[in-house]
Amino acid sequence: MSFGYPVSLEVEGRRAVVIGSVAVADRKADVLISAMAEVTVVARGPERDLERLARAGARVIQRDYQPGDLGGAFLCVASSEDEAIREAIFEESRIESVLMNMMDDPVHCDFAAPAIVRRGDLTIAISTGGASPALARRLREELEEQFGPEWVDIADLIAAVRRETLPLLPDLRDRARKWERALDLRELERLVAEGRIDEARQTLRARVLEGENV
């Protein structure tokens, strides 16, 4: 299985380079900016996307790839129709120890960038190991409908209850069992959709701590 070990990378404050107009148009830089990476974009276009990325804080270099562009980078996402350019970028990534994703060229990839649904701290990633990006995109569209904006509040309240109850449940296995028993996502989704967020939080907290003397 290609790219069989899924991970979530911490890129905040790390240099990430996006190369090529296709990578820019496919919003590869946008995802990295939202993850708080220090993004450099090297591409001739699309013009509107480059302007938008510059406003969002990316360093935009409006030209083709040149050797040295990956210096100091943690990771790179690149695209090019020219096989020689793809090879040159990949070779530099080896020299500079940069994690590499070459779009539509899995031989020159260290990782596959998944399709993502993000709802606050909740991130759902869909990957086909690079075999079918179209399938990953279609599944992302379906999951975006299934997990609407209300899931920002659901994820936040679950995280808040966990923070509140963590000191009261020191035993890891016992805590895991209590959470498995207490977590009713359909009920939380219904309460949040009805605007009853405080009730949802209190209900979840009571269930997690059921049987505890608190």
Protein backbone atom coordinates (compact mmCIF):
# COMPACT_ATOMS: atom_id res chain seq x y z
CA MET A 1 0.00 0.00 0.00
CA SER A 2 1.44 3.36 -1.04
CA PHE A 3 1.81 5.97 1.71
CA GLY A 4 0.37 3.52 4.21
CA TYR A 5 1.29 5.37 7.41
CA PRO A 6 -1.07 8.33 7.99
CA VAL A 7 0.20 11.17 10.19
CA SER A 8 -0.63 14.78 11.04
CA LEU A 9 2.44 17.01 10.81
CA GLU A 10 3.20 20.02 12.99
CA VAL A 11 4.24 22.72 10.50
CA GLU A 12 3.64 25.87 12.57
CA GLY A 13 6.62 28.18 12.18
CA ARG A 14 8.34 25.87 9.70
CA ARG A 15 9.22 26.85 6.15
CA ALA A 16 7.05 25.26 3.48
CA VAL A 17 7.56 25.81 -0.25
CA VAL A 18 4.85 25.51 -2.89
CA ILE A 19 6.10 25.40 -6.48
CA GLY A 20 4.15 25.62 -9.71
CA SER A 21 0.91 27.13 -10.94
CA VAL A 22 -1.07 23.89 -10.67
CA ALA A 23 -0.12 23.52 -7.01
CA VAL A 24 -1.16 27.13 -6.41
CA ALA A 25 -4.50 26.71 -8.20
CA ASP A 26 -5.13 23.51 -6.23
CA ARG A 27 -4.79 25.58 -3.01
CA LYS A 28 -1.84 23.65 -1.63
CA ALA A 29 -0.46 26.88 -0.17
CA ASP A 30 -3.78 27.74 1.48
CA VAL A 31 -3.76 24.55 3.54
CA LEU A 32 -0.22 25.23 4.73
CA ILE A 33 -1.04 28.83 5.63
CA SER A 34 -4.04 27.68 7.65
CA ALA A 35 -1.68 25.30 9.49
CA MET A 36 0.53 28.31 10.41
CA ALA A 37 3.49 27.32 8.24
CA GLU A 38 5.84 29.99 6.88
CA VAL A 39 4.90 29.62 3.23
CA THR A 40 6.94 30.57 0.18
CA VAL A 41 5.22 30.29 -3.20
CA VAL A 42 7.29 30.01 -6.38
CA ALA A 43 5.03 30.23 -9.44
CA ARG A 44 4.09 32.43 -12.38
CA GLY A 45 0.37 32.24 -11.66
CA PRO A 46 -2.55 32.21 -11.41
CA GLU A 47 -2.27 35.94 -10.81
CA ARG A 48 -5.34 36.29 -8.59
CA ASP A 49 -4.30 33.35 -6.44
CA LEU A 50 -0.82 34.76 -6.00
CA GLU A 51 -2.24 38.12 -4.95
CA ARG A 52 -4.56 36.43 -2.48
CA LEU A 53 -1.74 34.33 -1.02
CA ALA A 54 0.45 37.41 -0.62
CA ARG A 55 -2.33 39.12 1.33
CA ALA A 56 -2.63 36.01 3.48
CA GLY A 57 1.03 36.29 4.47
CA ALA A 58 2.83 34.03 2.02
CA ARG A 59 6.09 35.11 0.43
CA VAL A 60 5.36 35.07 -3.29
CA ILE A 61 8.16 34.73 -5.86
CA GLN A 62 6.65 35.11 -9.30
CA ARG A 63 8.95 33.00 -11.47
CA ASP A 64 9.79 29.40 -12.30
CA TYR A 65 11.66 27.08 -9.94
CA GLN A 66 15.37 27.71 -9.46
CA PRO A 67 17.95 25.58 -7.61
CA GLY A 68 18.20 26.79 -4.04
CA ASP A 69 14.46 27.41 -3.60
CA LEU A 70 14.22 24.59 -1.05
CA GLY A 71 16.97 25.82 1.25
CA GLY A 72 15.85 25.68 4.87
CA ALA A 73 12.46 24.18 4.03
CA PHE A 74 10.71 21.50 6.06
CA LEU A 75 8.43 20.36 3.25
CA CYS A 76 7.57 21.14 -0.35
CA VAL A 77 4.54 20.63 -2.56
CA ALA A 78 5.33 21.06 -6.23
CA SER A 79 3.86 20.65 -9.69
CA SER A 80 5.36 20.74 -13.15
CA GLU A 81 4.61 19.26 -16.54
CA ASP A 82 8.36 19.16 -17.24
CA GLU A 83 9.89 15.86 -16.11
CA ALA A 84 13.38 17.42 -15.87
CA ILE A 85 12.10 20.15 -13.53
CA ARG A 86 10.32 17.60 -11.36
CA GLU A 87 13.51 15.58 -11.13
CA ALA A 88 15.55 18.68 -10.25
CA ILE A 89 13.15 19.67 -7.47
CA PHE A 90 13.16 16.14 -6.10
CA GLU A 91 16.95 15.94 -6.16
CA GLU A 92 17.21 19.20 -4.24
CA SER A 93 14.70 17.88 -1.71
CA ARG A 94 17.02 14.91 -1.09
CA ILE A 95 20.04 17.17 -0.61
CA GLU A 96 18.16 19.53 1.72
CA SER A 97 16.28 16.76 3.61
CA VAL A 98 12.91 18.23 2.65
CA LEU A 99 9.69 16.20 2.78
CA MET A 100 8.46 16.14 -0.81
CA ASN A 101 5.06 15.90 -2.47
CA MET A 102 5.21 16.07 -6.26
CA MET A 103 1.69 16.31 -7.59
CA ASP A 104 0.65 13.43 -9.89
CA ASP A 105 4.12 11.90 -9.58
CA PRO A 106 4.13 9.40 -6.68
CA VAL A 107 7.63 8.17 -7.47
CA HIS A 108 8.88 11.61 -6.38
CA CYS A 109 6.82 11.80 -3.20
CA ASP A 110 7.52 11.20 0.46
CA PHE A 111 3.88 11.70 1.38
CA ALA A 112 0.44 11.99 -0.17
CA ALA A 113 -1.52 15.12 0.68
CA PRO A 114 -5.03 14.04 1.67
CA ALA A 115 -8.29 15.77 0.85
CA ILE A 116 -9.34 17.57 4.03
CA VAL A 117 -12.54 18.54 5.80
CA ARG A 118 -11.73 20.94 8.64
CA ARG A 119 -14.18 22.01 11.33
CA GLY A 120 -12.23 23.94 13.95
CA ASP A 121 -9.89 21.46 15.66
CA LEU A 122 -11.66 18.56 13.96
CA THR A 123 -9.82 17.48 10.83
CA ILE A 124 -11.02 14.65 8.61
CA ALA A 125 -8.45 13.53 6.05
CA ILE A 126 -9.24 11.29 3.08
CA SER A 127 -6.43 9.57 1.20
CA THR A 128 -6.29 6.99 -1.56
CA GLY A 129 -2.51 6.70 -1.33
CA GLY A 130 -2.21 8.89 -4.41
CA ALA A 131 -4.11 6.36 -6.52
CA SER A 132 -7.29 8.37 -7.10
CA PRO A 133 -7.33 12.08 -6.15
CA ALA A 134 -10.76 12.41 -7.80
CA LEU A 135 -12.21 9.82 -5.40
CA ALA A 136 -10.68 11.61 -2.42
CA ARG A 137 -12.18 14.91 -3.56
CA ARG A 138 -15.64 13.37 -4.07
CA LEU A 139 -15.57 11.82 -0.59
CA ARG A 140 -14.48 15.16 0.85
CA GLU A 141 -17.49 16.85 -0.73
CA GLU A 142 -19.82 14.27 0.81
CA LEU A 143 -18.21 14.59 4.23
CA GLU A 144 -18.44 18.39 4.06
CA GLU A 145 -22.21 17.97 3.83
CA GLN A 146 -22.32 15.35 6.58
CA PHE A 147 -20.12 17.35 8.97
CA GLY A 148 -21.49 20.90 8.77
CA PRO A 149 -20.38 24.08 10.57
CA GLU A 150 -22.05 22.92 13.80
CA TRP A 151 -19.18 20.46 14.24
CA VAL A 152 -16.91 23.35 15.23
CA ASP A 153 -19.05 23.78 18.35
CA ILE A 154 -19.33 20.03 18.92
CA ALA A 155 -15.57 19.57 18.80
CA ASP A 156 -15.04 22.59 21.07
CA LEU A 157 -17.47 21.41 23.74
CA ILE A 158 -16.02 17.88 23.76
CA ALA A 159 -12.54 19.35 24.17
CA ALA A 160 -13.78 21.61 26.99
CA VAL A 161 -15.37 18.68 28.86
CA ARG A 162 -12.19 16.67 28.46
CA ARG A 163 -10.12 19.50 29.95
CA GLU A 164 -12.55 19.86 32.86
CA THR A 165 -12.71 16.15 33.68
CA LEU A 166 -9.13 15.11 33.00
CA PRO A 167 -7.86 15.85 36.55
CA LEU A 168 -10.83 13.95 38.00
CA LEU A 169 -10.16 10.78 36.01
CA PRO A 170 -6.47 9.97 36.48
CA ASP A 171 -6.67 6.32 35.39
CA LEU A 172 -6.17 6.15 31.62
CA ARG A 173 -8.10 2.92 30.99
CA ASP A 174 -10.98 3.94 33.24
CA ARG A 175 -11.13 7.35 31.54
CA ALA A 176 -11.22 5.75 28.10
CA ARG A 177 -14.08 3.43 29.13
CA LYS A 178 -16.10 6.31 30.59
CA TRP A 179 -15.68 8.40 27.44
CA GLU A 180 -16.65 5.50 25.19
CA ARG A 181 -19.81 5.01 27.23
CA ALA A 182 -20.66 8.72 27.51
CA LEU A 183 -20.11 9.99 24.00
CA ASP A 184 -23.36 10.10 22.00
CA LEU A 185 -22.53 12.09 18.90
CA ARG A 186 -26.04 12.07 17.47
CA GLU A 187 -27.43 13.57 20.65
CA LEU A 188 -24.68 16.20 20.79
CA GLU A 189 -25.30 17.09 17.15
CA ARG A 190 -29.03 17.48 17.81
CA LEU A 191 -28.56 19.65 20.91
CA VAL A 192 -26.00 21.89 19.22
CA ALA A 193 -28.18 22.24 16.11
CA GLU A 194 -30.99 23.40 18.40
CA GLY A 195 -28.72 25.97 20.03
CA ARG A 196 -28.58 24.08 23.35
CA ILE A 197 -24.81 24.06 23.60
CA ASP A 198 -24.61 24.52 27.39
CA GLU A 199 -27.06 21.67 27.90
CA ALA A 200 -25.01 19.48 25.61
CA ARG A 201 -21.83 20.24 27.54
CA GLN A 202 -23.46 19.63 30.93
CA THR A 203 -25.03 16.36 29.74
CA LEU A 204 -21.74 15.07 28.41
CA ARG A 205 -19.86 16.08 31.56
CA ALA A 206 -22.39 14.33 33.79
CA ARG A 207 -22.15 11.13 31.77
CA VAL A 208 -18.35 11.12 31.75
CA LEU A 209 -18.28 11.59 35.54
CA GLU A 210 -21.15 9.20 36.29
CA GLY A 211 -20.30 7.22 39.41
CA GLU A 212 -17.54 9.61 40.49
CA ASN A 213 -17.69 11.48 43.78
CA VAL A 214 -17.13 15.03 42.45
